[in-house]
């Protein structure tokens, strides 16, 4: 279970119940993702929306709204999901796990898995999607991931 809290009051505002195992990671969707998340959840945006992704030992990623309503379950990892990151422009979600893979999910296409890559020879523990880098060769997306082998890999 994951919970959302009101920082000013200290009260729980939503409980996200649905994983069959412990929640290992979460990521708050940037505003750029909200339109995609609203379509996935068949909801209208209110302007005060919050969307969250959670990853679990049950091998699944779940997408939630601010009321704790499950929007979508993304299945594809072979073992625990240990890290999540939204693309700054909102269209994609990346995940890493104990299966040593990094996976890219297209939120504009029903959350479809669009890319799987082996990221390490050991368990991956965290992932972040950095800002794009522009160069003479074009625009590169930067992804950083950490592994249990104490390494950090940066992909461009």
N, C-alpha and C. Protein backbone atom coordinates (compact mmCIF):
# COMPACT_ATOMS: atom_id res chain seq x y z
N UNK A 1 0.84 -1.17 0.00
CA UNK A 1 0.00 0.00 0.00
C UNK A 1 0.89 1.24 0.00
N UNK A 2 0.45 2.24 -0.72
CA UNK A 2 1.11 3.56 -0.71
C UNK A 2 0.07 4.57 -0.24
N UNK A 3 0.55 5.66 0.32
CA UNK A 3 -0.36 6.69 0.84
C UNK A 3 0.08 8.06 0.37
N UNK A 4 -0.92 8.94 0.17
CA UNK A 4 -0.65 10.36 -0.08
C UNK A 4 -1.00 11.11 1.19
N UNK A 5 -0.17 12.10 1.50
CA UNK A 5 -0.34 12.88 2.72
C UNK A 5 -0.46 14.36 2.38
N UNK A 6 -1.25 15.07 3.17
CA UNK A 6 -1.30 16.53 3.11
C UNK A 6 -0.20 17.03 4.04
N UNK A 7 0.81 17.66 3.48
CA UNK A 7 1.97 18.08 4.26
C UNK A 7 1.58 19.08 5.34
N UNK A 8 0.67 20.00 5.03
CA UNK A 8 0.32 21.03 6.01
C UNK A 8 -0.45 20.48 7.20
N UNK A 9 -1.34 19.52 6.97
CA UNK A 9 -2.14 18.98 8.09
C UNK A 9 -1.57 17.69 8.67
N UNK A 10 -0.76 16.99 7.87
CA UNK A 10 -0.24 15.70 8.31
C UNK A 10 -1.24 14.57 8.16
N UNK A 11 -2.36 14.84 7.47
CA UNK A 11 -3.40 13.83 7.29
C UNK A 11 -3.19 13.04 6.00
N UNK A 12 -3.60 11.78 6.04
CA UNK A 12 -3.60 10.94 4.85
C UNK A 12 -4.76 11.39 3.96
N UNK A 13 -4.47 11.66 2.68
CA UNK A 13 -5.53 12.09 1.76
C UNK A 13 -5.97 10.98 0.82
N UNK A 14 -5.14 9.97 0.64
CA UNK A 14 -5.50 8.85 -0.23
C UNK A 14 -4.65 7.64 0.11
N UNK A 15 -5.26 6.47 -0.04
CA UNK A 15 -4.53 5.22 0.10
C UNK A 15 -4.61 4.48 -1.23
N UNK A 16 -3.48 4.03 -1.70
CA UNK A 16 -3.41 3.32 -2.96
C UNK A 16 -3.16 1.85 -2.65
N UNK A 17 -4.24 1.10 -2.70
CA UNK A 17 -4.20 -0.32 -2.33
C UNK A 17 -4.43 -1.15 -3.59
N UNK A 18 -3.54 -2.10 -3.86
CA UNK A 18 -3.75 -2.92 -5.03
C UNK A 18 -2.58 -3.80 -5.41
N UNK A 19 -1.38 -3.48 -4.92
CA UNK A 19 -0.24 -4.34 -5.20
C UNK A 19 -0.34 -5.61 -4.36
N UNK A 20 0.15 -6.71 -4.93
CA UNK A 20 0.15 -7.99 -4.20
C UNK A 20 1.43 -8.19 -3.40
N UNK A 21 2.33 -7.22 -3.43
CA UNK A 21 3.57 -7.28 -2.67
C UNK A 21 3.94 -5.89 -2.18
N UNK A 22 5.02 -5.79 -1.42
CA UNK A 22 5.45 -4.48 -0.91
C UNK A 22 5.78 -3.51 -2.05
N UNK A 23 5.45 -2.24 -1.85
CA UNK A 23 5.79 -1.19 -2.80
C UNK A 23 7.26 -0.84 -2.61
N UNK A 24 8.04 -0.91 -3.69
CA UNK A 24 9.48 -0.64 -3.65
C UNK A 24 9.82 0.79 -4.06
N UNK A 25 8.98 1.41 -4.90
CA UNK A 25 9.33 2.73 -5.43
C UNK A 25 8.08 3.47 -5.88
N UNK A 26 8.23 4.77 -6.04
CA UNK A 26 7.14 5.57 -6.57
C UNK A 26 7.72 6.78 -7.29
N UNK A 27 6.91 7.39 -8.13
CA UNK A 27 7.29 8.61 -8.83
C UNK A 27 6.04 9.44 -9.05
N UNK A 28 6.16 10.73 -8.82
CA UNK A 28 5.05 11.66 -9.07
C UNK A 28 5.17 12.14 -10.51
N UNK A 29 4.05 12.07 -11.22
CA UNK A 29 4.05 12.47 -12.63
C UNK A 29 4.19 13.98 -12.77
N UNK A 30 5.04 14.43 -13.70
CA UNK A 30 5.12 15.87 -13.95
C UNK A 30 3.84 16.35 -14.63
N UNK A 31 3.60 17.64 -14.55
CA UNK A 31 2.40 18.21 -15.16
C UNK A 31 2.28 17.82 -16.63
N UNK A 32 3.40 17.68 -17.32
CA UNK A 32 3.38 17.31 -18.74
C UNK A 32 2.75 15.94 -18.97
N UNK A 33 2.71 15.09 -17.96
CA UNK A 33 2.11 13.75 -18.08
C UNK A 33 0.61 13.74 -17.82
N UNK A 34 0.09 14.80 -17.25
CA UNK A 34 -1.29 14.77 -16.77
C UNK A 34 -2.31 14.47 -17.87
N UNK A 35 -2.14 15.03 -19.05
CA UNK A 35 -3.10 14.77 -20.13
C UNK A 35 -3.10 13.29 -20.50
N UNK A 36 -1.93 12.67 -20.57
CA UNK A 36 -1.84 11.24 -20.89
C UNK A 36 -2.47 10.40 -19.78
N UNK A 37 -2.19 10.77 -18.54
CA UNK A 37 -2.74 10.01 -17.40
C UNK A 37 -4.26 10.15 -17.35
N UNK A 38 -4.78 11.33 -17.66
CA UNK A 38 -6.23 11.52 -17.66
C UNK A 38 -6.90 10.64 -18.71
N UNK A 39 -6.28 10.54 -19.89
CA UNK A 39 -6.84 9.67 -20.94
C UNK A 39 -6.80 8.21 -20.47
N UNK A 40 -5.69 7.77 -19.89
CA UNK A 40 -5.59 6.40 -19.39
C UNK A 40 -6.67 6.11 -18.35
N UNK A 41 -6.96 7.10 -17.51
CA UNK A 41 -7.94 6.92 -16.45
C UNK A 41 -9.35 7.34 -16.82
N UNK A 42 -9.55 7.76 -18.08
CA UNK A 42 -10.85 8.22 -18.55
C UNK A 42 -11.44 9.27 -17.61
N UNK A 43 -10.61 10.25 -17.23
CA UNK A 43 -11.06 11.32 -16.34
C UNK A 43 -10.75 12.67 -16.96
N UNK A 44 -11.44 13.69 -16.46
CA UNK A 44 -11.18 15.06 -16.88
C UNK A 44 -10.21 15.69 -15.89
N UNK A 45 -9.34 16.54 -16.41
CA UNK A 45 -8.39 17.24 -15.55
C UNK A 45 -9.09 18.37 -14.81
N UNK A 46 -8.71 18.55 -13.55
CA UNK A 46 -9.33 19.59 -12.73
C UNK A 46 -8.41 20.78 -12.49
N UNK A 47 -7.12 20.63 -12.76
CA UNK A 47 -6.17 21.68 -12.45
C UNK A 47 -5.46 21.44 -11.13
N UNK A 48 -6.03 20.59 -10.29
CA UNK A 48 -5.41 20.23 -9.01
C UNK A 48 -5.01 18.76 -9.00
N UNK A 49 -4.81 18.22 -10.17
CA UNK A 49 -4.56 16.79 -10.31
C UNK A 49 -3.16 16.40 -9.83
N UNK A 50 -3.09 15.20 -9.29
CA UNK A 50 -1.82 14.57 -8.93
C UNK A 50 -1.90 13.13 -9.42
N UNK A 51 -0.88 12.70 -10.12
CA UNK A 51 -0.82 11.32 -10.57
C UNK A 51 0.49 10.71 -10.09
N UNK A 52 0.41 9.44 -9.72
CA UNK A 52 1.55 8.75 -9.13
C UNK A 52 1.70 7.37 -9.77
N UNK A 53 2.94 6.95 -9.95
CA UNK A 53 3.25 5.58 -10.37
C UNK A 53 3.92 4.88 -9.20
N UNK A 54 3.54 3.63 -8.95
CA UNK A 54 4.18 2.82 -7.91
C UNK A 54 4.69 1.53 -8.52
N UNK A 55 5.82 1.05 -8.02
CA UNK A 55 6.39 -0.22 -8.47
C UNK A 55 6.52 -1.15 -7.28
N UNK A 56 6.36 -2.44 -7.51
CA UNK A 56 6.25 -3.37 -6.40
C UNK A 56 7.02 -4.66 -6.63
N UNK A 57 7.15 -5.40 -5.55
CA UNK A 57 7.72 -6.75 -5.62
C UNK A 57 6.80 -7.70 -6.37
N UNK A 58 5.56 -7.28 -6.65
CA UNK A 58 4.64 -8.14 -7.41
C UNK A 58 4.91 -8.07 -8.92
N UNK A 59 5.98 -7.34 -9.33
CA UNK A 59 6.44 -7.22 -10.72
C UNK A 59 5.65 -6.20 -11.53
N UNK A 60 4.73 -5.50 -10.91
CA UNK A 60 3.85 -4.59 -11.63
C UNK A 60 4.11 -3.13 -11.29
N UNK A 61 3.70 -2.28 -12.21
CA UNK A 61 3.66 -0.83 -12.01
C UNK A 61 2.19 -0.46 -12.02
N UNK A 62 1.80 0.37 -11.08
CA UNK A 62 0.42 0.83 -11.05
C UNK A 62 0.41 2.35 -11.12
N UNK A 63 -0.55 2.87 -11.89
CA UNK A 63 -0.73 4.31 -12.04
C UNK A 63 -1.99 4.71 -11.30
N UNK A 64 -1.91 5.79 -10.51
CA UNK A 64 -2.99 6.20 -9.61
C UNK A 64 -3.29 7.69 -9.77
N UNK A 65 -4.52 8.07 -9.40
CA UNK A 65 -4.82 9.49 -9.30
C UNK A 65 -4.76 9.93 -7.85
N UNK A 66 -5.02 11.22 -7.60
CA UNK A 66 -4.87 11.78 -6.25
C UNK A 66 -5.90 11.26 -5.25
N UNK A 67 -6.93 10.60 -5.72
CA UNK A 67 -7.93 10.02 -4.81
C UNK A 67 -7.61 8.56 -4.47
N UNK A 68 -6.49 8.05 -5.01
CA UNK A 68 -6.11 6.67 -4.76
C UNK A 68 -6.80 5.69 -5.69
N UNK A 69 -7.40 6.20 -6.76
CA UNK A 69 -8.07 5.34 -7.73
C UNK A 69 -7.04 4.78 -8.71
N UNK A 70 -7.06 3.47 -8.89
CA UNK A 70 -6.16 2.81 -9.84
C UNK A 70 -6.57 3.17 -11.26
N UNK A 71 -5.62 3.67 -12.02
CA UNK A 71 -5.86 4.06 -13.41
C UNK A 71 -5.48 2.93 -14.36
N UNK A 72 -4.31 2.35 -14.12
CA UNK A 72 -3.78 1.36 -15.06
C UNK A 72 -2.71 0.53 -14.37
N UNK A 73 -2.62 -0.74 -14.73
CA UNK A 73 -1.53 -1.61 -14.29
C UNK A 73 -0.66 -1.94 -15.50
N UNK A 74 0.65 -1.72 -15.34
CA UNK A 74 1.61 -2.03 -16.41
C UNK A 74 2.36 -3.29 -16.01
N UNK A 75 2.29 -4.31 -16.86
CA UNK A 75 2.93 -5.59 -16.58
C UNK A 75 4.05 -5.83 -17.58
N UNK A 76 5.17 -6.38 -17.11
CA UNK A 76 6.25 -6.69 -18.04
C UNK A 76 7.54 -7.10 -17.37
N UNK A 77 7.79 -6.63 -16.15
CA UNK A 77 9.02 -7.02 -15.45
C UNK A 77 8.91 -8.48 -15.00
N UNK A 78 10.06 -9.15 -14.94
CA UNK A 78 10.11 -10.55 -14.51
C UNK A 78 10.26 -10.69 -13.00
N UNK A 79 10.70 -9.63 -12.34
CA UNK A 79 10.90 -9.63 -10.89
C UNK A 79 10.53 -8.25 -10.35
N UNK A 80 10.98 -7.95 -9.15
CA UNK A 80 10.64 -6.70 -8.47
C UNK A 80 10.92 -5.47 -9.33
N UNK A 81 10.01 -4.51 -9.27
CA UNK A 81 10.22 -3.19 -9.86
C UNK A 81 10.83 -2.32 -8.76
N UNK A 82 12.02 -1.76 -9.04
CA UNK A 82 12.76 -1.05 -7.98
C UNK A 82 12.96 0.44 -8.25
N UNK A 83 12.65 0.91 -9.44
CA UNK A 83 12.83 2.33 -9.73
C UNK A 83 11.92 2.79 -10.85
N UNK A 84 11.45 4.03 -10.76
CA UNK A 84 10.56 4.62 -11.76
C UNK A 84 10.98 6.05 -12.05
N UNK A 85 10.76 6.49 -13.28
CA UNK A 85 11.02 7.88 -13.63
C UNK A 85 10.18 8.30 -14.82
N UNK A 86 9.59 9.49 -14.72
CA UNK A 86 8.81 10.04 -15.83
C UNK A 86 9.71 10.89 -16.71
N UNK A 87 9.48 10.83 -18.02
CA UNK A 87 10.17 11.72 -18.94
C UNK A 87 9.72 13.15 -18.63
N UNK A 88 10.63 14.12 -18.68
CA UNK A 88 10.25 15.50 -18.36
C UNK A 88 9.12 16.05 -19.23
N UNK A 89 8.99 15.55 -20.47
CA UNK A 89 7.91 16.02 -21.34
C UNK A 89 6.65 15.17 -21.20
N UNK A 90 6.67 14.19 -20.30
CA UNK A 90 5.47 13.50 -19.89
C UNK A 90 4.99 12.30 -20.65
N UNK A 91 5.51 12.05 -21.83
CA UNK A 91 4.95 10.98 -22.66
C UNK A 91 5.37 9.58 -22.22
N UNK A 92 6.51 9.46 -21.57
CA UNK A 92 7.05 8.14 -21.24
C UNK A 92 7.29 7.97 -19.75
N UNK A 93 7.23 6.72 -19.31
CA UNK A 93 7.63 6.32 -17.97
C UNK A 93 8.70 5.24 -18.14
N UNK A 94 9.77 5.34 -17.38
CA UNK A 94 10.78 4.29 -17.41
C UNK A 94 10.78 3.56 -16.08
N UNK A 95 11.16 2.29 -16.14
CA UNK A 95 11.22 1.48 -14.92
C UNK A 95 12.45 0.60 -14.97
N UNK A 96 12.95 0.26 -13.79
CA UNK A 96 14.05 -0.69 -13.67
C UNK A 96 13.68 -1.70 -12.60
N UNK A 97 14.38 -2.84 -12.62
CA UNK A 97 14.05 -3.85 -11.64
C UNK A 97 15.16 -4.84 -11.39
N UNK A 98 14.84 -5.78 -10.54
CA UNK A 98 15.78 -6.84 -10.20
C UNK A 98 16.03 -7.78 -11.38
N UNK A 99 15.24 -7.66 -12.44
CA UNK A 99 15.48 -8.47 -13.64
C UNK A 99 16.58 -7.86 -14.52
N UNK A 100 17.24 -6.79 -14.04
CA UNK A 100 18.36 -6.13 -14.70
C UNK A 100 17.97 -5.36 -15.95
N UNK A 101 16.67 -5.13 -16.14
CA UNK A 101 16.22 -4.43 -17.34
C UNK A 101 15.76 -3.01 -17.02
N UNK A 102 15.83 -2.19 -18.05
CA UNK A 102 15.20 -0.89 -18.05
C UNK A 102 14.11 -0.97 -19.10
N UNK A 103 12.92 -0.54 -18.74
CA UNK A 103 11.78 -0.64 -19.64
C UNK A 103 11.16 0.74 -19.84
N UNK A 104 10.71 0.98 -21.05
CA UNK A 104 10.10 2.27 -21.39
C UNK A 104 8.64 2.03 -21.78
N UNK A 105 7.76 2.77 -21.14
CA UNK A 105 6.31 2.65 -21.33
C UNK A 105 5.80 3.93 -21.97
N UNK A 106 4.99 3.80 -23.02
CA UNK A 106 4.45 4.95 -23.74
C UNK A 106 3.07 5.29 -23.17
N UNK A 107 3.00 6.37 -22.41
CA UNK A 107 1.74 6.76 -21.77
C UNK A 107 0.73 7.29 -22.78
N UNK A 108 1.20 7.71 -23.96
CA UNK A 108 0.28 8.20 -24.99
C UNK A 108 -0.34 7.05 -25.78
N UNK A 109 0.13 5.84 -25.54
CA UNK A 109 -0.33 4.66 -26.28
C UNK A 109 -0.76 3.57 -25.29
N UNK A 110 -1.70 3.92 -24.42
CA UNK A 110 -2.28 2.99 -23.44
C UNK A 110 -1.26 2.41 -22.48
N UNK A 111 -0.14 3.09 -22.29
CA UNK A 111 0.88 2.58 -21.38
C UNK A 111 1.64 1.39 -21.93
N UNK A 112 1.65 1.27 -23.24
CA UNK A 112 2.28 0.12 -23.90
C UNK A 112 3.79 0.11 -23.67
N UNK A 113 4.33 -1.08 -23.43
CA UNK A 113 5.77 -1.28 -23.32
C UNK A 113 6.37 -1.13 -24.71
N UNK A 114 7.28 -0.16 -24.88
CA UNK A 114 7.83 0.10 -26.22
C UNK A 114 9.31 -0.24 -26.34
N UNK A 115 10.00 -0.43 -25.23
CA UNK A 115 11.43 -0.74 -25.32
C UNK A 115 11.86 -1.44 -24.04
N UNK A 116 12.67 -2.49 -24.20
CA UNK A 116 13.29 -3.19 -23.08
C UNK A 116 14.77 -3.33 -23.38
N UNK A 117 15.61 -2.94 -22.42
CA UNK A 117 17.06 -3.05 -22.59
C UNK A 117 17.65 -3.65 -21.33
N UNK A 118 18.71 -4.42 -21.49
CA UNK A 118 19.46 -4.90 -20.32
C UNK A 118 20.33 -3.75 -19.86
N UNK A 119 20.19 -3.37 -18.60
CA UNK A 119 20.89 -2.21 -18.09
C UNK A 119 22.13 -2.52 -17.29
N UNK A 120 22.27 -3.78 -16.84
CA UNK A 120 23.38 -4.12 -15.96
C UNK A 120 23.46 -5.63 -15.84
N UNK A 121 24.57 -6.11 -15.32
CA UNK A 121 24.69 -7.55 -15.05
C UNK A 121 24.15 -7.87 -13.66
N UNK A 122 23.80 -6.85 -12.89
CA UNK A 122 23.27 -7.02 -11.53
C UNK A 122 21.94 -6.27 -11.43
N UNK A 123 21.28 -6.41 -10.28
CA UNK A 123 19.99 -5.75 -10.06
C UNK A 123 20.12 -4.23 -10.24
N UNK A 124 19.12 -3.63 -10.86
CA UNK A 124 19.05 -2.18 -10.96
C UNK A 124 18.21 -1.66 -9.80
N UNK A 125 18.62 -0.56 -9.22
CA UNK A 125 17.97 -0.08 -8.00
C UNK A 125 17.28 1.26 -8.14
N UNK A 126 17.67 2.06 -9.13
CA UNK A 126 17.07 3.39 -9.26
C UNK A 126 17.24 3.88 -10.69
N UNK A 127 16.40 4.85 -11.06
CA UNK A 127 16.47 5.41 -12.41
C UNK A 127 15.92 6.83 -12.39
N UNK A 128 16.53 7.69 -13.19
CA UNK A 128 16.04 9.06 -13.37
C UNK A 128 16.23 9.45 -14.83
N UNK A 129 15.23 10.16 -15.33
CA UNK A 129 15.29 10.66 -16.69
C UNK A 129 15.69 12.12 -16.60
N UNK A 130 16.83 12.46 -17.17
CA UNK A 130 17.32 13.83 -17.12
C UNK A 130 16.83 14.66 -18.28
N UNK A 131 17.15 15.94 -18.25
CA UNK A 131 16.77 16.81 -19.37
C UNK A 131 17.51 16.40 -20.64
N UNK A 132 16.93 16.71 -21.77
CA UNK A 132 17.55 16.40 -23.05
C UNK A 132 18.78 17.27 -23.26
N UNK A 133 19.74 16.73 -24.00
CA UNK A 133 20.96 17.45 -24.35
C UNK A 133 20.96 17.66 -25.85
N UNK A 134 21.15 18.91 -26.26
CA UNK A 134 21.21 19.21 -27.69
C UNK A 134 22.67 19.35 -28.11
N UNK A 135 22.99 18.75 -29.24
CA UNK A 135 24.36 18.85 -29.77
C UNK A 135 24.28 18.92 -31.29
N UNK A 136 25.43 18.97 -31.92
CA UNK A 136 25.48 19.01 -33.38
C UNK A 136 24.88 17.75 -33.99
N UNK A 137 24.92 16.65 -33.25
CA UNK A 137 24.37 15.38 -33.74
C UNK A 137 22.86 15.28 -33.54
N UNK A 138 22.26 16.21 -32.82
CA UNK A 138 20.83 16.17 -32.57
C UNK A 138 20.54 16.21 -31.08
N UNK A 139 19.36 15.79 -30.71
CA UNK A 139 18.94 15.81 -29.31
C UNK A 139 19.08 14.41 -28.72
N UNK A 140 19.70 14.34 -27.56
CA UNK A 140 19.85 13.07 -26.84
C UNK A 140 19.06 13.13 -25.55
N UNK A 141 18.43 12.02 -25.22
CA UNK A 141 17.76 11.90 -23.94
C UNK A 141 18.74 11.26 -22.97
N UNK A 142 18.77 11.74 -21.75
CA UNK A 142 19.72 11.25 -20.76
C UNK A 142 18.96 10.44 -19.71
N UNK A 143 19.41 9.21 -19.48
CA UNK A 143 18.83 8.36 -18.45
C UNK A 143 19.97 7.90 -17.55
N UNK A 144 19.81 8.08 -16.25
CA UNK A 144 20.80 7.62 -15.28
C UNK A 144 20.18 6.51 -14.45
N UNK A 145 20.93 5.44 -14.21
CA UNK A 145 20.43 4.36 -13.38
C UNK A 145 21.51 3.86 -12.45
N UNK A 146 21.06 3.44 -11.28
CA UNK A 146 21.97 2.88 -10.29
C UNK A 146 21.77 1.38 -10.19
N UNK A 147 22.84 0.69 -9.81
CA UNK A 147 22.81 -0.76 -9.70
C UNK A 147 23.31 -1.19 -8.33
N UNK A 148 22.92 -2.38 -7.94
CA UNK A 148 23.37 -2.94 -6.67
C UNK A 148 24.88 -3.17 -6.67
N UNK A 149 25.50 -3.19 -7.84
CA UNK A 149 26.95 -3.35 -7.90
C UNK A 149 27.69 -2.04 -7.60
N UNK A 150 26.99 -1.03 -7.13
CA UNK A 150 27.47 0.31 -6.75
C UNK A 150 27.83 1.18 -7.94
N UNK A 151 27.47 0.79 -9.14
CA UNK A 151 27.76 1.61 -10.31
C UNK A 151 26.56 2.48 -10.66
N UNK A 152 26.86 3.55 -11.36
CA UNK A 152 25.83 4.39 -11.96
C UNK A 152 26.12 4.41 -13.45
N UNK A 153 25.10 4.16 -14.24
CA UNK A 153 25.26 4.20 -15.69
C UNK A 153 24.44 5.36 -16.23
N UNK A 154 25.03 6.11 -17.13
CA UNK A 154 24.32 7.22 -17.76
C UNK A 154 24.24 6.91 -19.25
N UNK A 155 23.01 6.85 -19.75
CA UNK A 155 22.77 6.55 -21.15
C UNK A 155 22.34 7.83 -21.85
N UNK A 156 22.92 8.05 -23.03
CA UNK A 156 22.55 9.23 -23.82
C UNK A 156 22.23 8.81 -25.23
